[in-house]
Every structure is written in C-alpha cells, then in structure tokens.
Amino acid sequence: MTPSVESVPSMHNPQRALVGLRIVVGIWFVKSLFTKVTIMLAWGFLPVPAANARWIAVMPKLLAKYAADNPIGWYRDFLLHTVIPNAHLFAHFTALGEAAVGLSLTLGLLTPLGALLGALEVISYGLAVQHMSSGQQGFHVMLLSMMLAFLYTRPGRYLGLDAWIRRRYPSTFWARMG
C-alpha cells in the first residue's frame, strides 16, 4: 500500500529538524571553553579570553605527531613550517575559534557564520588526522556534513537567538545573516 501524498512528511522547516543536532554539536565545541580557554589580563588590567597554558604547550606536540606520517605533503609542510613555529598564535586561534563555534551553534546565534567557521576548523583538523584511522576520516566527514547542513538550513531561526534578532531587528544585516 502506497501512502498518500498528504501523509508523506515534508521538509518545509528543515531548521526545526536540525535544532537538536545543532545544539548537541554546539555543546561538543563548547567544551573547549573548559579544556582550552582561560581568561588573561591584557595590558595588566583588561580581562580577555585566550588559550590556556596547557593547550599552548600540548598543541604543537599533537601537531608534530599528526604531521609525522601525514601523506598530504603541502599540509604536512604547513603544519611543520607554519603552524608549529607559531603555535602560540595558532593555539589562540583554535581555542577561541572552537569556543565561538560552540557558542554560536548552542545559542543559535549567527548560526551560518558559526557553521562556516566550524566547517573551516573541521577541514583543517580533518586534514591533520585523516591518515590516522578510518574513524578519524568518518568523524570529520560527518562533522563537516553537519556544518554544511547548519550553514544552509539556518537552524538558529528556530529555538535560537537568530529568531529573536530577526523578529526584533528585521531589516538589519544581522537579521539576514542569521
């Protein structure tokens, strides 16, 4: 027996279907707030988020391990000759980037921007570890797929701050962005 057209569910609001997934992925990224981020004093008085000392110390060791057998020559060279020598800077980028993606997705705030930044991070991390196991490959492919789904469906417009921004400030750039 074939279901009638009326009984087949449709995807009129894909952002509703992806809300739970958006929040779970966001929380997964938010964990960097507890594992990689601290508050430091800039100029001795201004509190700003920054990579913690543990992440600054661990990141170059991990990257050296990832680069050692990486078959993608240009990416291995990028890790060895650009990222590792500037690990202090890249530690801040990665820690704060992960935190920003996590907050964006968890809160549904500027979700497309958070998803785009998340996709760039996932591609970077995936290139670093793709040769280590099929599990690493699969994890990063799935995470990238989710980021692309969030980018195009804008699930922050449902149960997110993007919806509030669109209602409150409908003609602003930020309303169109979310």
C-alpha atoms as a PDB file:
ATOM      1  CA  MET A   1       0.000   0.000   0.000  1.00  0.00           C
ATOM      2  CA  THR A   2       1.450   3.367  -1.049  1.00  0.00           C
ATOM      3  CA  PRO A   3       0.991   6.315   1.326  1.00  0.00           C
ATOM      4  CA  SER A   4      -0.960   9.242   0.001  1.00  0.00           C
ATOM      5  CA  VAL A   5       0.850  12.469  -0.804  1.00  0.00           C
ATOM      6  CA  GLU A   6      -0.807  14.138   2.181  1.00  0.00           C
ATOM      7  CA  SER A   7       0.613  11.589   4.633  1.00  0.00           C
ATOM      8  CA  VAL A   8       4.230  11.857   3.477  1.00  0.00           C
ATOM      9  CA  PRO A   9       6.141  14.217   5.760  1.00  0.00           C
ATOM     10  CA  SER A  10       7.755  17.147   4.000  1.00  0.00           C
ATOM     11  CA  MET A  11      10.666  19.321   4.934  1.00  0.00           C
ATOM     12  CA  HIS A  12       9.025  22.750   4.997  1.00  0.00           C
ATOM     13  CA  ASN A  13      11.081  23.810   8.005  1.00  0.00           C
ATOM     14  CA  PRO A  14      14.383  21.906   7.948  1.00  0.00           C
ATOM     15  CA  GLN A  15      15.775  24.171  10.671  1.00  0.00           C
ATOM     16  CA  ARG A  16      13.287  22.614  13.116  1.00  0.00           C
ATOM     17  CA  ALA A  17      14.563  19.144  12.295  1.00  0.00           C
ATOM     18  CA  LEU A  18      18.168  20.188  12.896  1.00  0.00           C
ATOM     19  CA  VAL A  19      17.760  22.130  16.146  1.00  0.00           C
ATOM     20  CA  GLY A  20      18.658  19.231  18.438  1.00  0.00           C
ATOM     21  CA  LEU A  21      21.637  18.286  16.313  1.00  0.00           C
ATOM     22  CA  ARG A  22      22.784  21.941  16.209  1.00  0.00           C
ATOM     23  CA  ILE A  23      22.692  22.168  19.994  1.00  0.00           C
ATOM     24  CA  VAL A  24      24.482  18.842  20.555  1.00  0.00           C
ATOM     25  CA  VAL A  25      27.258  19.743  18.095  1.00  0.00           C
ATOM     26  CA  GLY A  26      27.461  23.195  19.673  1.00  0.00           C
ATOM     27  CA  ILE A  27      27.901  21.720  23.138  1.00  0.00           C
ATOM     28  CA  TRP A  28      30.617  19.418  21.778  1.00  0.00           C
ATOM     29  CA  PHE A  29      32.522  22.521  20.612  1.00  0.00           C
ATOM     30  CA  VAL A  30      31.712  24.496  23.793  1.00  0.00           C
ATOM     31  CA  LYS A  31      33.791  22.012  25.782  1.00  0.00           C
ATOM     32  CA  SER A  32      36.839  23.925  24.560  1.00  0.00           C
ATOM     33  CA  LEU A  33      35.827  26.683  26.985  1.00  0.00           C
ATOM     34  CA  PHE A  34      36.718  24.264  29.772  1.00  0.00           C
ATOM     35  CA  THR A  35      39.681  22.478  28.163  1.00  0.00           C
ATOM     36  CA  LYS A  36      41.455  25.123  26.064  1.00  0.00           C
ATOM     37  CA  VAL A  37      40.359  28.621  27.109  1.00  0.00           C
ATOM     38  CA  THR A  38      41.200  30.824  30.073  1.00  0.00           C
ATOM     39  CA  ILE A  39      40.855  34.495  30.926  1.00  0.00           C
ATOM     40  CA  MET A  40      44.041  36.547  30.912  1.00  0.00           C
ATOM     41  CA  LEU A  41      44.707  40.191  31.604  1.00  0.00           C
ATOM     42  CA  ALA A  42      45.704  42.199  28.543  1.00  0.00           C
ATOM     43  CA  TRP A  43      47.888  45.173  29.444  1.00  0.00           C
ATOM     44  CA  GLY A  44      47.640  44.056  33.052  1.00  0.00           C
ATOM     45  CA  PHE A  45      44.003  45.075  33.567  1.00  0.00           C
ATOM     46  CA  LEU A  46      41.656  44.040  30.707  1.00  0.00           C
ATOM     47  CA  PRO A  47      40.239  40.501  31.041  1.00  0.00           C
ATOM     48  CA  VAL A  48      40.152  38.735  27.656  1.00  0.00           C
ATOM     49  CA  PRO A  49      39.642  35.108  26.644  1.00  0.00           C
ATOM     50  CA  ALA A  50      42.794  33.328  25.483  1.00  0.00           C
ATOM     51  CA  ALA A  51      44.215  29.848  25.025  1.00  0.00           C
ATOM     52  CA  ASN A  52      45.267  28.325  28.325  1.00  0.00           C
ATOM     53  CA  ALA A  53      48.873  27.340  29.040  1.00  0.00           C
ATOM     54  CA  ARG A  54      48.105  23.627  28.783  1.00  0.00           C
ATOM     55  CA  TRP A  55      46.699  23.970  25.237  1.00  0.00           C
ATOM     56  CA  ILE A  56      49.599  26.197  24.160  1.00  0.00           C
ATOM     57  CA  ALA A  57      52.020  23.502  25.378  1.00  0.00           C
ATOM     58  CA  VAL A  58      50.129  20.434  24.080  1.00  0.00           C
ATOM     59  CA  MET A  59      49.038  21.647  20.636  1.00  0.00           C
ATOM     60  CA  PRO A  60      52.492  21.684  18.953  1.00  0.00           C
ATOM     61  CA  LYS A  61      53.247  18.180  20.305  1.00  0.00           C
ATOM     62  CA  LEU A  62      50.000  16.839  18.884  1.00  0.00           C
ATOM     63  CA  LEU A  63      50.587  18.545  15.544  1.00  0.00           C
ATOM     64  CA  ALA A  64      54.120  17.156  15.279  1.00  0.00           C
ATOM     65  CA  LYS A  65      52.666  13.668  15.803  1.00  0.00           C
ATOM     66  CA  TYR A  66      49.924  14.292  13.218  1.00  0.00           C
ATOM     67  CA  ALA A  67      52.392  15.719  10.695  1.00  0.00           C
ATOM     68  CA  ALA A  68      54.956  12.932  11.039  1.00  0.00           C
ATOM     69  CA  ASP A  69      53.184  10.466   8.734  1.00  0.00           C
ATOM     70  CA  ASN A  70      50.735  12.779   7.009  1.00  0.00           C
ATOM     71  CA  PRO A  71      50.690  11.818   3.305  1.00  0.00           C
ATOM     72  CA  ILE A  72      49.380  15.225   2.201  1.00  0.00           C
ATOM     73  CA  GLY A  73      52.724  16.921   1.615  1.00  0.00           C
ATOM     74  CA  TRP A  74      51.560  20.520   1.385  1.00  0.00           C
ATOM     75  CA  TYR A  75      49.512  20.182   4.570  1.00  0.00           C
ATOM     76  CA  ARG A  76      52.329  18.413   6.429  1.00  0.00           C
ATOM     77  CA  ASP A  77      54.628  21.286   5.408  1.00  0.00           C
ATOM     78  CA  PHE A  78      52.031  23.832   6.543  1.00  0.00           C
ATOM     79  CA  LEU A  79      51.839  22.164   9.964  1.00  0.00           C
ATOM     80  CA  LEU A  80      55.612  21.790  10.334  1.00  0.00           C
ATOM     81  CA  HIS A  81      56.748  25.131   8.916  1.00  0.00           C
ATOM     82  CA  THR A  82      53.879  27.498   9.689  1.00  0.00           C
ATOM     83  CA  VAL A  83      51.645  26.252  12.488  1.00  0.00           C
ATOM     84  CA  ILE A  84      54.145  24.619  14.857  1.00  0.00           C
ATOM     85  CA  PRO A  85      56.663  27.504  14.744  1.00  0.00           C
ATOM     86  CA  ASN A  86      53.751  29.853  15.513  1.00  0.00           C
ATOM     87  CA  ALA A  87      51.979  27.507  17.917  1.00  0.00           C
ATOM     88  CA  HIS A  88      51.293  30.244  20.447  1.00  0.00           C
ATOM     89  CA  LEU A  89      49.254  32.165  17.864  1.00  0.00           C
ATOM     90  CA  PHE A  90      47.510  29.104  16.390  1.00  0.00           C
ATOM     91  CA  ALA A  91      46.648  27.823  19.884  1.00  0.00           C
ATOM     92  CA  HIS A  92      44.678  31.024  20.461  1.00  0.00           C
ATOM     93  CA  PHE A  93      43.002  30.757  17.034  1.00  0.00           C
ATOM     94  CA  THR A  94      41.919  27.160  17.568  1.00  0.00           C
ATOM     95  CA  ALA A  95      40.786  27.511  21.180  1.00  0.00           C
ATOM     96  CA  LEU A  96      38.835  30.721  20.629  1.00  0.00           C
ATOM     97  CA  GLY A  97      37.520  29.502  17.271  1.00  0.00           C
ATOM     98  CA  GLU A  98      36.151  26.310  18.803  1.00  0.00           C
ATOM     99  CA  ALA A  99      34.568  28.298  21.627  1.00  0.00           C
ATOM    100  CA  ALA A 100      32.992  30.750  19.156  1.00  0.00           C
ATOM    101  CA  VAL A 101      31.595  27.921  17.010  1.00  0.00           C
ATOM    102  CA  GLY A 102      30.256  26.180  20.103  1.00  0.00           C
ATOM    103  CA  LEU A 103      28.535  29.269  21.453  1.00  0.00           C
ATOM    104  CA  SER A 104      27.145  30.166  18.030  1.00  0.00           C
ATOM    105  CA  LEU A 105      25.624  26.725  17.475  1.00  0.00           C
ATOM    106  CA  THR A 106      24.458  26.143  21.046  1.00  0.00           C
ATOM    107  CA  LEU A 107      22.735  29.529  21.273  1.00  0.00           C
ATOM    108  CA  GLY A 108      21.621  29.648  17.633  1.00  0.00           C
ATOM    109  CA  LEU A 109      23.418  32.989  17.319  1.00  0.00           C
ATOM    110  CA  LEU A 110      24.691  33.913  13.834  1.00  0.00           C
ATOM    111  CA  THR A 111      24.426  30.220  13.047  1.00  0.00           C
ATOM    112  CA  PRO A 112      25.595  30.408   9.405  1.00  0.00           C
ATOM    113  CA  LEU A 113      28.749  32.248  10.446  1.00  0.00           C
ATOM    114  CA  GLY A 114      29.401  29.746  13.245  1.00  0.00           C
ATOM    115  CA  ALA A 115      28.788  26.849  10.858  1.00  0.00           C
ATOM    116  CA  LEU A 116      31.164  28.332   8.269  1.00  0.00           C
ATOM    117  CA  LEU A 117      33.899  28.814  10.853  1.00  0.00           C
ATOM    118  CA  GLY A 118      33.191  25.315  12.167  1.00  0.00           C
ATOM    119  CA  ALA A 119      33.478  23.868   8.660  1.00  0.00           C
ATOM    120  CA  LEU A 120      36.874  25.528   8.175  1.00  0.00           C
ATOM    121  CA  GLU A 121      38.088  24.154  11.515  1.00  0.00           C
ATOM    122  CA  VAL A 122      36.776  20.673  10.739  1.00  0.00           C
ATOM    123  CA  ILE A 123      38.505  20.671   7.348  1.00  0.00           C
ATOM    124  CA  SER A 124      41.769  21.782   8.969  1.00  0.00           C
ATOM    125  CA  TYR A 125      41.550  19.188  11.724  1.00  0.00           C
ATOM    126  CA  GLY A 126      40.461  16.510   9.263  1.00  0.00           C
ATOM    127  CA  LEU A 127      43.441  17.160   7.008  1.00  0.00           C
ATOM    128  CA  ALA A 128      45.724  16.850  10.016  1.00  0.00           C
ATOM    129  CA  VAL A 129      44.434  13.467  11.205  1.00  0.00           C
ATOM    130  CA  GLN A 130      42.787  11.814   8.165  1.00  0.00           C
ATOM    131  CA  HIS A 131      45.657   9.344   7.735  1.00  0.00           C
ATOM    132  CA  MET A 132      45.465   8.046  11.303  1.00  0.00           C
ATOM    133  CA  SER A 133      42.310   5.920  11.011  1.00  0.00           C
ATOM    134  CA  SER A 134      39.078   5.490   9.127  1.00  0.00           C
ATOM    135  CA  GLY A 135      37.340   6.586  12.333  1.00  0.00           C
ATOM    136  CA  GLN A 136      39.072   9.961  12.117  1.00  0.00           C
ATOM    137  CA  GLN A 137      38.043  10.292   8.479  1.00  0.00           C
ATOM    138  CA  GLY A 138      34.434   9.366   9.222  1.00  0.00           C
ATOM    139  CA  PHE A 139      34.182  11.670  12.222  1.00  0.00           C
ATOM    140  CA  HIS A 140      35.389  14.693  10.281  1.00  0.00           C
ATOM    141  CA  VAL A 141      33.276  13.910   7.212  1.00  0.00           C
ATOM    142  CA  MET A 142      30.161  13.654   9.395  1.00  0.00           C
ATOM    143  CA  LEU A 143      31.012  16.833  11.301  1.00  0.00           C
ATOM    144  CA  LEU A 144      31.633  18.704   8.047  1.00  0.00           C
ATOM    145  CA  SER A 145      28.298  17.425   6.695  1.00  0.00           C
ATOM    146  CA  MET A 146      26.540  18.763   9.779  1.00  0.00           C
ATOM    147  CA  MET A 147      28.244  22.158   9.470  1.00  0.00           C
ATOM    148  CA  LEU A 148      27.113  22.407   5.839  1.00  0.00           C
ATOM    149  CA  ALA A 149      23.561  21.454   6.841  1.00  0.00           C
ATOM    150  CA  PHE A 150      23.603  24.160   9.538  1.00  0.00           C
ATOM    151  CA  LEU A 151      25.016  26.681   7.071  1.00  0.00           C
ATOM    152  CA  TYR A 152      22.265  26.115   4.516  1.00  0.00           C
ATOM    153  CA  THR A 153      19.229  25.437   6.724  1.00  0.00           C
ATOM    154  CA  ARG A 154      19.924  28.123   9.359  1.00  0.00           C
ATOM    155  CA  PRO A 155      18.568  26.211  12.356  1.00  0.00           C
ATOM    156  CA  GLY A 156      19.213  29.178  14.652  1.00  0.00           C
ATOM    157  CA  ARG A 157      15.992  30.632  13.256  1.00  0.00           C
ATOM    158  CA  TYR A 158      14.128  28.071  15.314  1.00  0.00           C
ATOM    159  CA  LEU A 159      14.859  27.901  19.041  1.00  0.00           C
ATOM    160  CA  GLY A 160      17.828  30.226  18.724  1.00  0.00           C
ATOM    161  CA  LEU A 161      18.846  33.837  19.141  1.00  0.00           C
ATOM    162  CA  ASP A 162      18.807  34.239  15.358  1.00  0.00           C
ATOM    163  CA  ALA A 163      14.998  34.039  15.534  1.00  0.00           C
ATOM    164  CA  TRP A 164      14.886  36.767  18.184  1.00  0.00           C
ATOM    165  CA  ILE A 165      17.221  39.013  16.151  1.00  0.00           C
ATOM    166  CA  ARG A 166      15.062  38.520  13.033  1.00  0.00           C
ATOM    167  CA  ARG A 167      11.902  39.468  14.953  1.00  0.00           C
ATOM    168  CA  ARG A 168      13.439  42.397  16.831  1.00  0.00           C
ATOM    169  CA  TYR A 169      15.603  43.884  14.052  1.00  0.00           C
ATOM    170  CA  PRO A 170      14.146  42.541  10.788  1.00  0.00           C
ATOM    171  CA  SER A 171      15.871  44.909   8.374  1.00  0.00           C
ATOM    172  CA  THR A 172      19.426  44.662   9.727  1.00  0.00           C
ATOM    173  CA  PHE A 173      22.349  42.790   8.236  1.00  0.00           C
ATOM    174  CA  TRP A 174      22.495  40.558  11.323  1.00  0.00           C
ATOM    175  CA  ALA A 175      18.839  39.532  10.865  1.00  0.00           C
ATOM    176  CA  ARG A 176      19.534  38.473   7.278  1.00  0.00           C
ATOM    177  CA  MET A 177      22.766  36.787   8.372  1.00  0.00           C
ATOM    178  CA  GLY A 178      21.118  34.519  10.971  1.00  0.00           C
END
